[in-house]
């Protein structure tokens, strides 16, 4: 599964990694947050190093639907139910600045983007009340939202919120431009190097899987922080969602705007032009990471929905992305707890990263360079509401229950064997192509899969906090249902809070 953005991307060439070198700032993660932060610091004259475990855009930024919009489903009304108006206004101001910075940058560098009206629509009568709440929250915050009956979709809706003159982009074109700009200002971008720890201060030592470097400041722009000292894995809900690019039949055309539904499962739509032909991009049908009975089914349901409304449409690309939703709704960015004042981070963009990522980068760079951003100060001083606190408790209770349940199932298998009762047959030595299973060998949970004709047996225990892994039958990966760490079929870490690969079976 490769996104339409990454499928057409130029091959990334890494700068050399030089162990023992010193920098003003090291940024971990070459998505939108990391590269905008690096550029802002390089513009100020800093010597900046960006470390990326794979290549720019490998995780969320390269797999987004890339809407640069201040209408974000019904998110503002959700915020307004938990926070005072001052906090809601700060969030809008942050996103407005993020959007303005990004579009101005694209205009200056002649990177194409398209202006579109954004819509949040209700497919049912029950959804219209949420639309009216969003209009109220948005207009109170100074956004020119309006309630409309017709959204220009090929199916009937009960109403929609419209916000004119928003934008959509090709995110990889943006990353390529940022990469060239950073290098042009003396910065370095290194792929294939993973940050593992940060110790000390003034300067800090940055530990990687290829050696160490030192830096006065460190920025974690890794989707979810890969250092656990802030316990953000316990404050964020990891979610997997799906997307597809569809070629439509003659006489059909994508709708004129950018869309997202109120109802679940979510349905998102926009267009993208390739070789003079407008493709339809759809997204949605998300679920908590590692907890779907079949990821392939979620993707299939999304495609079925698209074909229902666009008969004969053919998928040219399908892909998936991971996002992190804070239990208290508001994104996190700024100084990292217990980072001795020299570690910064950004996370929890609630699936609206094209504006939030840039806003976080603006806030982080201002903190490092001694600037003052009023909306950032307001967001930093928020107080979690009772409902946000309850959401955090519920999330972690669910995580604990899942951990106990999965380990209990593994233990129960061994108990049945010990009592000489009929036990489930062990997984075959070689599962069918594209399949993976977890079973028990002695006292150890084992994950076995076959991909590309190669069968691989690994520890089935996540290297982060010990969750039992789940086989993702759509992307052929091992996903952790606790905090969203993911590994490929060979055990190599792909994303999430884990920093170590999976060991081979029997070596954990």
Protein backbone atom coordinates (compact mmCIF):
# COMPACT_ATOMS: atom_id res chain seq x y z
CA UNK A 1 0.00 0.00 0.00
CA UNK A 2 1.68 3.18 -1.23
CA UNK A 3 0.03 6.60 -1.18
CA UNK A 4 -0.40 8.52 -4.40
CA UNK A 5 1.99 11.14 -2.99
CA UNK A 6 4.81 8.72 -2.17
CA UNK A 7 4.35 6.66 -5.34
CA UNK A 8 5.35 9.62 -7.49
CA UNK A 9 7.98 10.99 -5.13
CA UNK A 10 11.60 11.49 -6.14
CA UNK A 11 14.12 9.15 -4.54
CA UNK A 12 15.50 10.71 -1.38
CA UNK A 13 19.28 11.08 -1.13
CA UNK A 14 20.54 11.31 2.43
CA UNK A 15 23.21 13.64 3.64
CA UNK A 16 26.08 11.81 5.40
CA UNK A 17 25.73 11.11 9.11
CA UNK A 18 28.81 12.19 11.02
CA UNK A 19 29.02 10.72 14.56
CA UNK A 20 30.65 13.05 17.04
CA UNK A 21 29.49 16.21 15.27
CA UNK A 22 27.89 19.14 17.09
CA UNK A 23 24.83 21.18 16.09
CA UNK A 24 22.74 24.02 17.41
CA UNK A 25 19.59 21.90 17.05
CA UNK A 26 18.87 18.29 16.13
CA UNK A 27 15.35 17.59 14.84
CA UNK A 28 14.08 14.00 14.88
CA UNK A 29 11.48 13.38 12.20
CA UNK A 30 11.27 14.68 8.62
CA UNK A 31 7.55 15.20 8.33
CA UNK A 32 5.89 18.59 8.13
CA UNK A 33 6.47 19.51 11.79
CA UNK A 34 10.16 18.60 11.70
CA UNK A 35 11.03 20.20 8.38
CA UNK A 36 9.19 23.49 9.02
CA UNK A 37 10.85 23.72 12.44
CA UNK A 38 14.24 22.99 10.90
CA UNK A 39 13.72 25.63 8.21
CA UNK A 40 12.68 28.32 10.69
CA UNK A 41 15.78 27.62 12.78
CA UNK A 42 18.07 27.49 9.73
CA UNK A 43 16.70 30.85 8.60
CA UNK A 44 17.85 32.30 11.92
CA UNK A 45 21.40 31.10 11.22
CA UNK A 46 21.38 27.90 13.26
CA UNK A 47 23.32 24.80 12.24
CA UNK A 48 20.52 22.22 12.05
CA UNK A 49 20.54 18.43 11.61
CA UNK A 50 17.33 16.53 10.76
CA UNK A 51 17.35 12.81 11.57
CA UNK A 52 14.79 10.57 9.86
CA UNK A 53 14.52 6.83 10.54
CA UNK A 54 13.43 6.18 6.94
CA UNK A 55 12.85 9.05 4.48
CA UNK A 56 10.93 12.36 4.52
CA UNK A 57 7.18 11.82 4.65
CA UNK A 58 7.44 8.10 5.41
CA UNK A 59 4.81 8.21 8.13
CA UNK A 60 1.84 10.57 8.56
CA UNK A 61 2.70 13.49 6.27
CA UNK A 62 3.23 11.26 3.23
CA UNK A 63 -0.04 9.43 3.86
CA UNK A 64 -2.43 12.27 4.59
CA UNK A 65 -5.33 13.49 2.44
CA UNK A 66 -3.60 16.89 2.70
CA UNK A 67 -6.41 19.34 3.38
CA UNK A 68 -5.18 22.72 4.61
CA UNK A 69 -8.44 23.75 6.21
CA UNK A 70 -9.73 25.69 9.21
CA UNK A 71 -13.03 23.80 8.95
CA UNK A 72 -12.07 20.53 10.61
CA UNK A 73 -15.17 18.38 10.78
CA UNK A 74 -16.92 19.40 14.01
CA UNK A 75 -13.74 19.86 16.01
CA UNK A 76 -14.31 23.45 17.14
CA UNK A 77 -17.65 22.62 18.71
CA UNK A 78 -16.01 19.68 20.49
CA UNK A 79 -13.35 22.05 21.85
CA UNK A 80 -16.01 24.53 22.93
CA UNK A 81 -17.69 21.89 25.06
CA UNK A 82 -14.45 21.34 27.01
CA UNK A 83 -12.66 24.70 27.05
CA UNK A 84 -13.41 28.39 27.60
CA UNK A 85 -13.64 30.60 24.53
CA UNK A 86 -10.11 31.93 25.09
CA UNK A 87 -8.68 28.45 24.48
CA UNK A 88 -10.87 27.80 21.44
CA UNK A 89 -9.80 31.14 19.99
CA UNK A 90 -6.14 30.31 20.58
CA UNK A 91 -6.56 27.03 18.69
CA UNK A 92 -8.19 28.85 15.75
CA UNK A 93 -5.49 31.52 15.78
CA UNK A 94 -2.79 28.84 15.77
CA UNK A 95 -4.34 27.04 12.82
CA UNK A 96 -4.95 30.28 10.98
CA UNK A 97 -1.27 31.18 11.34
CA UNK A 98 -0.22 27.67 10.32
CA UNK A 99 -2.39 27.81 7.21
CA UNK A 100 -1.27 31.33 6.27
CA UNK A 101 2.42 30.49 6.74
CA UNK A 102 2.20 27.36 4.62
CA UNK A 103 0.24 28.88 1.74
CA UNK A 104 2.47 31.97 1.68
CA UNK A 105 5.53 29.71 1.59
CA UNK A 106 4.10 27.68 -1.29
CA UNK A 107 3.31 30.83 -3.27
CA UNK A 108 6.82 32.18 -2.72
CA UNK A 109 8.38 28.91 -3.92
CA UNK A 110 5.89 28.34 -6.74
CA UNK A 111 4.65 25.04 -5.31
CA UNK A 112 1.14 24.39 -6.67
CA UNK A 113 -1.89 24.15 -4.41
CA UNK A 114 -5.60 24.39 -5.08
CA UNK A 115 -8.15 26.64 -3.41
CA UNK A 116 -11.36 24.82 -2.50
CA UNK A 117 -14.39 25.46 -0.33
CA UNK A 118 -14.40 23.07 2.65
CA UNK A 119 -17.57 21.29 3.76
CA UNK A 120 -18.62 19.25 6.76
CA UNK A 121 -21.81 17.44 5.78
CA UNK A 122 -24.55 15.46 7.51
CA UNK A 123 -25.91 12.40 5.75
CA UNK A 124 -28.65 12.04 8.36
CA UNK A 125 -31.12 14.34 10.04
CA UNK A 126 -29.50 13.60 13.41
CA UNK A 127 -26.23 15.10 12.19
CA UNK A 128 -27.61 18.55 11.42
CA UNK A 129 -27.58 19.65 15.07
CA UNK A 130 -23.82 19.04 15.17
CA UNK A 131 -23.45 21.19 12.06
CA UNK A 132 -25.28 24.10 13.68
CA UNK A 133 -23.09 23.78 16.78
CA UNK A 134 -20.00 23.94 14.55
CA UNK A 135 -21.26 27.06 12.78
CA UNK A 136 -21.82 28.69 16.17
CA UNK A 137 -18.36 27.75 17.46
CA UNK A 138 -16.65 28.78 14.23
CA UNK A 139 -18.35 32.14 13.82
CA UNK A 140 -17.72 32.96 17.49
CA UNK A 141 -14.02 32.39 16.77
CA UNK A 142 -14.11 34.68 13.73
CA UNK A 143 -14.45 32.13 10.91
CA UNK A 144 -16.95 32.89 8.16
CA UNK A 145 -18.78 29.57 8.32
CA UNK A 146 -22.27 29.17 6.90
CA UNK A 147 -24.95 26.48 6.98
CA UNK A 148 -25.99 25.34 3.50
CA UNK A 149 -28.44 22.78 2.15
CA UNK A 150 -26.55 21.77 -0.99
CA UNK A 151 -22.89 20.73 -0.79
CA UNK A 152 -22.44 19.75 -4.45
CA UNK A 153 -22.16 16.03 -3.70
CA UNK A 154 -23.56 13.27 -5.94
CA UNK A 155 -25.75 12.02 -3.08
CA UNK A 156 -28.32 13.73 -0.91
CA UNK A 157 -27.33 15.33 2.38
CA UNK A 158 -29.39 16.90 5.14
CA UNK A 159 -27.16 19.94 5.38
CA UNK A 160 -23.56 21.10 5.48
CA UNK A 161 -21.23 23.70 6.94
CA UNK A 162 -19.19 25.59 4.34
CA UNK A 163 -16.01 27.60 4.81
CA UNK A 164 -14.84 29.19 1.57
CA UNK A 165 -11.31 29.50 0.21
CA UNK A 166 -9.46 26.72 2.00
CA UNK A 167 -6.71 24.72 0.28
CA UNK A 168 -5.41 21.29 -0.65
CA UNK A 169 -1.85 20.26 -1.46
CA UNK A 170 0.46 17.47 -2.54
CA UNK A 171 2.32 17.03 0.77
CA UNK A 172 5.40 15.37 -0.72
CA UNK A 173 5.96 18.32 -3.08
CA UNK A 174 5.92 20.50 0.04
CA UNK A 175 8.44 18.29 1.84
CA UNK A 176 10.73 18.24 -1.20
CA UNK A 177 10.71 22.05 -1.31
CA UNK A 178 11.39 22.33 2.42
CA UNK A 179 14.24 19.81 2.13
CA UNK A 180 15.94 21.78 -0.63
CA UNK A 181 15.45 25.05 1.26
CA UNK A 182 16.95 23.68 4.49
CA UNK A 183 19.98 22.30 2.65
CA UNK A 184 20.37 25.60 0.85
CA UNK A 185 20.72 27.28 4.24
CA UNK A 186 23.41 24.88 5.45
CA UNK A 187 21.22 22.33 7.19
CA UNK A 188 21.59 18.55 6.85
CA UNK A 189 18.85 15.92 6.42
CA UNK A 190 19.91 12.37 7.16
CA UNK A 191 17.78 9.31 6.43
CA UNK A 192 18.15 5.81 7.86
CA UNK A 193 19.19 7.01 11.32
CA UNK A 194 16.90 6.58 14.32
CA UNK A 195 17.04 8.67 17.50
CA UNK A 196 17.03 6.39 20.56
CA UNK A 197 17.71 8.64 23.54
CA UNK A 198 18.79 12.11 24.66
CA UNK A 199 20.98 12.58 27.74
CA UNK A 200 22.65 15.48 29.46
CA UNK A 201 22.28 19.15 28.58
CA UNK A 202 24.29 22.17 27.43
CA UNK A 203 24.94 20.42 25.10
CA UNK A 204 22.76 17.30 25.08
CA UNK A 205 24.01 14.02 23.71
CA UNK A 206 21.72 12.56 21.03
CA UNK A 207 21.99 8.77 20.89
CA UNK A 208 21.11 7.07 17.60
CA UNK A 209 21.46 3.59 16.13
CA UNK A 210 24.49 4.90 14.21
CA UNK A 211 26.34 6.72 16.98
CA UNK A 212 26.03 9.99 18.90
CA UNK A 213 26.02 13.70 18.12
CA UNK A 214 25.59 16.69 20.41
CA UNK A 215 23.18 19.61 20.23
CA UNK A 216 22.12 22.58 22.30
CA UNK A 217 18.45 21.85 21.54
CA UNK A 218 16.55 18.73 20.41
CA UNK A 219 13.13 18.61 18.74
CA UNK A 220 11.01 15.44 18.70
CA UNK A 221 8.80 15.57 15.60
CA UNK A 222 8.19 11.83 15.41
CA UNK A 223 4.38 11.64 15.35
CA UNK A 224 4.30 10.45 18.94
CA UNK A 225 7.35 11.21 21.13
CA UNK A 226 9.86 8.35 21.09
CA UNK A 227 11.04 9.29 24.59
CA UNK A 228 8.67 8.08 27.31
CA UNK A 229 9.63 10.57 30.00
CA UNK A 230 6.55 12.71 29.28
CA UNK A 231 4.20 9.69 29.25
CA UNK A 232 2.46 11.02 26.16
CA UNK A 233 1.69 7.49 25.03
CA UNK A 234 -0.84 7.53 27.91
CA UNK A 235 -2.41 10.80 26.74
CA UNK A 236 -2.89 9.96 23.05
CA UNK A 237 -5.23 7.60 21.22
CA UNK A 238 -3.53 6.12 18.13
CA UNK A 239 -5.88 5.70 15.17
CA UNK A 240 -5.46 4.00 11.80
CA UNK A 241 -7.52 5.25 8.85
CA UNK A 242 -7.63 4.49 5.13
CA UNK A 243 -7.51 6.35 1.85
CA UNK A 244 -7.76 5.62 -1.86
CA UNK A 245 -7.29 7.42 -5.17
CA UNK A 246 -9.98 6.54 -7.70
CA UNK A 247 -10.17 6.99 -11.45
CA UNK A 248 -13.75 7.81 -12.37
CA UNK A 249 -15.75 6.79 -15.39
CA UNK A 250 -16.31 9.12 -18.32
CA UNK A 251 -19.02 11.60 -17.46
CA UNK A 252 -18.20 11.48 -13.77
CA UNK A 253 -16.19 14.11 -11.88
CA UNK A 254 -15.09 14.60 -8.29
CA UNK A 255 -17.18 17.10 -6.33
CA UNK A 256 -16.01 20.73 -6.40
CA UNK A 257 -14.90 21.09 -2.78
CA UNK A 258 -13.23 19.24 0.10
CA UNK A 259 -15.59 17.22 2.27
CA UNK A 260 -15.86 15.28 5.50
CA UNK A 261 -18.89 13.67 7.09
CA UNK A 262 -20.31 14.16 10.57
CA UNK A 263 -21.37 10.53 10.85
CA UNK A 264 -19.24 7.49 11.53
CA UNK A 265 -17.58 5.85 9.76
CA UNK A 266 -16.04 9.05 8.49
CA UNK A 267 -16.04 9.74 4.76
CA UNK A 268 -13.61 12.32 3.38
CA UNK A 269 -13.45 13.49 -0.26
CA UNK A 270 -11.27 15.77 -2.38
CA UNK A 271 -9.84 15.77 -5.91
CA UNK A 272 -6.30 15.53 -7.26
CA UNK A 273 -5.23 16.15 -10.85
CA UNK A 274 -2.80 13.76 -12.53
CA UNK A 275 -1.85 14.11 -16.22
CA UNK A 276 -4.87 16.30 -16.93
CA UNK A 277 -7.36 13.93 -15.27
CA UNK A 278 -8.99 14.64 -11.93
CA UNK A 279 -8.90 11.70 -9.55
CA UNK A 280 -11.20 11.34 -6.56
CA UNK A 281 -9.48 10.85 -3.22
CA UNK A 282 -11.55 9.28 -0.45
CA UNK A 283 -10.61 8.58 3.14
CA UNK A 284 -11.99 7.37 6.46
CA UNK A 285 -13.20 4.15 8.13
CA UNK A 286 -10.67 4.50 10.94
CA UNK A 287 -10.22 2.38 14.06
CA UNK A 288 -7.87 2.14 17.05
CA UNK A 289 -4.49 0.74 16.02
CA UNK A 290 -4.17 -3.02 16.41
CA UNK A 291 -7.79 -3.55 17.43
CA UNK A 292 -9.58 -4.22 14.15
CA UNK A 293 -10.68 -7.75 13.39
CA UNK A 294 -9.56 -7.10 9.81
CA UNK A 295 -7.89 -3.94 8.50
CA UNK A 296 -8.51 -5.22 4.99
CA UNK A 297 -12.23 -5.13 5.72
CA UNK A 298 -12.07 -1.47 6.76
CA UNK A 299 -10.34 -0.55 3.50
CA UNK A 300 -12.77 -2.68 1.51
CA UNK A 301 -15.75 -0.97 3.16
CA UNK A 302 -14.35 2.44 2.21
CA UNK A 303 -13.92 1.34 -1.41
CA UNK A 304 -17.43 -0.15 -1.47
CA UNK A 305 -18.84 3.16 -0.27
CA UNK A 306 -16.96 5.07 -2.97
CA UNK A 307 -18.10 2.75 -5.76
CA UNK A 308 -21.67 2.95 -4.51
CA UNK A 309 -21.66 6.69 -5.16
CA UNK A 310 -19.32 6.61 -8.17
CA UNK A 311 -20.24 3.42 -10.06
CA UNK A 312 -17.39 1.93 -12.04
CA UNK A 313 -14.67 3.88 -10.18
CA UNK A 314 -11.32 2.06 -10.15
CA UNK A 315 -8.74 2.44 -7.38
CA UNK A 316 -5.28 3.44 -8.58
CA UNK A 317 -3.77 3.66 -5.08
CA UNK A 318 -4.80 2.60 -1.58
CA UNK A 319 -3.00 3.46 1.63
CA UNK A 320 -3.32 4.05 5.35
CA UNK A 321 -2.17 6.61 7.89
CA UNK A 322 -1.72 6.83 11.64
CA UNK A 323 -2.84 9.78 13.72
CA UNK A 324 -2.80 10.56 17.42
CA UNK A 325 -5.76 12.12 19.23
CA UNK A 326 -5.18 13.72 22.65
CA UNK A 327 -7.58 12.64 25.34
CA UNK A 328 -8.11 16.33 26.15
CA UNK A 329 -8.47 17.23 22.42
CA UNK A 330 -5.87 20.05 22.33
CA UNK A 331 -2.57 19.36 20.50
CA UNK A 332 0.65 19.22 22.50
CA UNK A 333 3.74 21.22 21.51
CA UNK A 334 6.55 23.15 23.15
CA UNK A 335 9.00 22.14 25.88
CA UNK A 336 9.12 18.43 26.66
CA UNK A 337 8.63 17.45 30.33
CA UNK A 338 11.85 16.45 32.09
CA UNK A 339 13.81 17.57 29.05
CA UNK A 340 15.96 19.98 31.12
CA UNK A 341 14.61 22.87 29.08
CA UNK A 342 16.35 21.74 25.90
CA UNK A 343 13.96 19.17 24.37
CA UNK A 344 10.87 20.23 22.43
CA UNK A 345 8.10 18.28 20.76
CA UNK A 346 4.81 18.37 18.82
CA UNK A 347 2.08 15.72 18.71
CA UNK A 348 -1.66 15.08 18.83
CA UNK A 349 -2.97 16.93 15.79
CA UNK A 350 -6.33 15.10 15.67
CA UNK A 351 -5.96 14.23 11.95
CA UNK A 352 -5.62 17.93 11.00
CA UNK A 353 -1.86 18.09 10.72
CA UNK A 354 -1.43 20.33 7.68
CA UNK A 355 -2.24 23.39 9.78
CA UNK A 356 -1.47 22.10 13.28
CA UNK A 357 1.99 20.82 12.30
CA UNK A 358 3.02 24.22 10.97
CA UNK A 359 1.54 25.97 14.00
CA UNK A 360 3.50 23.64 16.30
CA UNK A 361 6.69 24.37 14.33
CA UNK A 362 6.10 28.11 14.70
CA UNK A 363 5.58 27.71 18.44
CA UNK A 364 8.60 25.42 18.93
CA UNK A 365 10.97 27.63 16.95
CA UNK A 366 9.75 30.70 18.85
CA UNK A 367 10.52 28.93 22.14
CA UNK A 368 14.03 28.05 20.95
CA UNK A 369 14.78 31.48 19.50
CA UNK A 370 13.27 33.50 22.34
CA UNK A 371 10.14 34.69 20.56
CA UNK A 372 6.68 35.26 21.97
CA UNK A 373 3.55 33.74 20.39
CA UNK A 374 0.38 34.73 22.29
CA UNK A 375 -1.80 31.85 21.08
CA UNK A 376 0.92 29.36 21.99
CA UNK A 377 1.15 30.78 25.52
CA UNK A 378 -2.61 30.41 25.91
CA UNK A 379 -2.61 26.80 24.69
CA UNK A 380 0.30 25.93 26.99
CA UNK A 381 -1.67 27.13 30.02
CA UNK A 382 -4.86 25.18 29.35
CA UNK A 383 -6.53 23.25 32.14
CA UNK A 384 -7.84 19.78 31.32
CA UNK A 385 -11.62 19.60 31.77
CA UNK A 386 -13.33 16.83 33.77
CA UNK A 387 -14.43 15.19 30.52
CA UNK A 388 -10.86 15.29 29.22
CA UNK A 389 -9.58 13.75 32.45
CA UNK A 390 -12.23 11.05 32.25
CA UNK A 391 -11.24 10.32 28.65
CA UNK A 392 -7.63 9.81 29.77
CA UNK A 393 -8.68 7.48 32.58
CA UNK A 394 -10.91 5.52 30.20
CA UNK A 395 -8.15 5.25 27.62
CA UNK A 396 -5.62 3.85 30.07
CA UNK A 397 -8.14 1.53 31.69
CA UNK A 398 -8.85 0.17 28.24
CA UNK A 399 -5.15 -0.26 27.56
CA UNK A 400 -4.68 -2.15 30.85
CA UNK A 401 -7.66 -4.35 30.10
CA UNK A 402 -6.36 -5.14 26.62
CA UNK A 403 -2.91 -5.98 27.98
CA UNK A 404 -4.38 -8.32 30.59
CA UNK A 405 -6.81 -9.90 28.15
CA UNK A 406 -4.22 -10.66 25.47
CA UNK A 407 -1.67 -12.05 27.92
CA UNK A 408 -4.46 -13.98 29.59
CA UNK A 409 -5.30 -15.68 26.32
CA UNK A 410 -1.67 -16.69 25.85
CA UNK A 411 -1.43 -17.96 29.43
CA UNK A 412 -4.73 -19.85 29.11
CA UNK A 413 -3.36 -21.78 26.15
CA UNK A 414 -0.40 -22.95 28.24
CA UNK A 415 -2.68 -23.79 31.19
CA UNK A 416 -4.87 -25.99 29.03
CA UNK A 417 -1.77 -27.80 27.80
CA UNK A 418 -0.49 -28.25 31.35
CA UNK A 419 -3.77 -29.91 32.36
CA UNK A 420 -3.61 -32.16 29.32
CA UNK A 421 -6.85 -30.69 28.06
CA UNK A 422 -7.38 -30.19 24.32
CA UNK A 423 -5.39 -27.11 23.31
CA UNK A 424 -5.56 -25.05 20.15
CA UNK A 425 -3.32 -26.39 17.42
CA UNK A 426 -0.10 -24.38 17.10
CA UNK A 427 0.21 -22.07 14.15
CA UNK A 428 1.62 -23.82 11.10
CA UNK A 429 5.30 -23.33 10.43
CA UNK A 430 4.45 -21.39 7.29
CA UNK A 431 1.20 -19.39 7.22
CA UNK A 432 -0.30 -18.73 3.82
CA UNK A 433 1.06 -15.78 1.87
CA UNK A 434 0.00 -12.50 3.48
CA UNK A 435 -1.11 -14.12 6.73
CA UNK A 436 0.23 -13.81 10.26
CA UNK A 437 -0.62 -15.50 13.57
CA UNK A 438 0.32 -15.29 17.22
CA UNK A 439 0.75 -18.52 19.16
CA UNK A 440 2.75 -19.91 22.06
CA UNK A 441 6.08 -21.73 21.99
CA UNK A 442 6.84 -22.86 25.52
CA UNK A 443 6.31 -19.75 27.65
CA UNK A 444 6.89 -17.28 24.81
CA UNK A 445 4.27 -15.65 22.54
CA UNK A 446 5.49 -15.97 18.94
CA UNK A 447 4.43 -13.97 15.88
CA UNK A 448 4.81 -15.84 12.59
CA UNK A 449 3.98 -14.48 9.13
CA UNK A 450 4.67 -15.16 5.48
CA UNK A 451 5.26 -12.18 3.18
CA UNK A 452 6.83 -12.31 -0.25
CA UNK A 453 7.41 -16.02 0.12
CA UNK A 454 9.50 -15.56 3.29
CA UNK A 455 8.29 -16.90 6.63
CA UNK A 456 9.53 -14.98 9.66
CA UNK A 457 9.14 -15.90 13.35
CA UNK A 458 9.46 -13.05 15.84
CA UNK A 459 8.68 -12.28 19.44
CA UNK A 460 5.00 -11.33 19.59
CA UNK A 461 5.68 -8.88 22.44
CA UNK A 462 5.90 -5.17 21.62
CA UNK A 463 9.28 -3.71 22.57
CA UNK A 464 7.62 -0.62 24.04
CA UNK A 465 5.52 -1.80 27.00
CA UNK A 466 4.91 -5.47 26.34
CA UNK A 467 1.63 -5.60 24.45
CA UNK A 468 0.77 -8.69 22.40
CA UNK A 469 0.99 -7.77 18.73
CA UNK A 470 -1.82 -8.01 16.18
CA UNK A 471 -1.39 -8.94 12.51
CA UNK A 472 -2.51 -6.16 10.16
CA UNK A 473 -3.88 -8.05 7.14
CA UNK A 474 -4.02 -4.96 4.95
CA UNK A 475 -0.48 -3.63 5.36
CA UNK A 476 1.12 -6.94 6.42
CA UNK A 477 2.56 -5.51 9.61
CA UNK A 478 2.57 -6.29 13.33
CA UNK A 479 0.62 -3.58 15.20
CA UNK A 480 0.49 -3.03 18.96
CA UNK A 481 -3.03 -2.44 20.36
CA UNK A 482 -1.73 -0.59 23.41
CA UNK A 483 -0.01 2.57 22.12
CA UNK A 484 0.25 2.13 18.35
CA UNK A 485 3.79 0.91 17.74
CA UNK A 486 4.06 -0.88 14.39
CA UNK A 487 6.64 -3.24 12.90
CA UNK A 488 7.06 -4.74 9.44
CA UNK A 489 6.92 -8.50 8.87
CA UNK A 490 10.70 -8.73 9.48
CA UNK A 491 10.35 -7.00 12.84
CA UNK A 492 11.72 -3.58 11.86
CA UNK A 493 10.06 -0.71 13.72
CA UNK A 494 7.90 1.48 11.48
CA UNK A 495 6.29 4.02 13.81
CA UNK A 496 4.94 4.62 17.29
CA UNK A 497 6.62 5.01 20.70
CA UNK A 498 8.76 1.85 20.48
CA UNK A 499 12.42 2.52 19.67
CA UNK A 500 13.60 -1.08 19.26
CA UNK A 501 12.90 -3.62 16.52
CA UNK A 502 11.27 -6.95 17.32
CA UNK A 503 13.75 -9.70 18.18
CA UNK A 504 13.59 -13.11 16.54
CA UNK A 505 11.46 -15.69 18.32
CA UNK A 506 13.24 -17.12 21.36
CA UNK A 507 15.62 -14.15 21.71
CA UNK A 508 13.36 -11.71 23.56
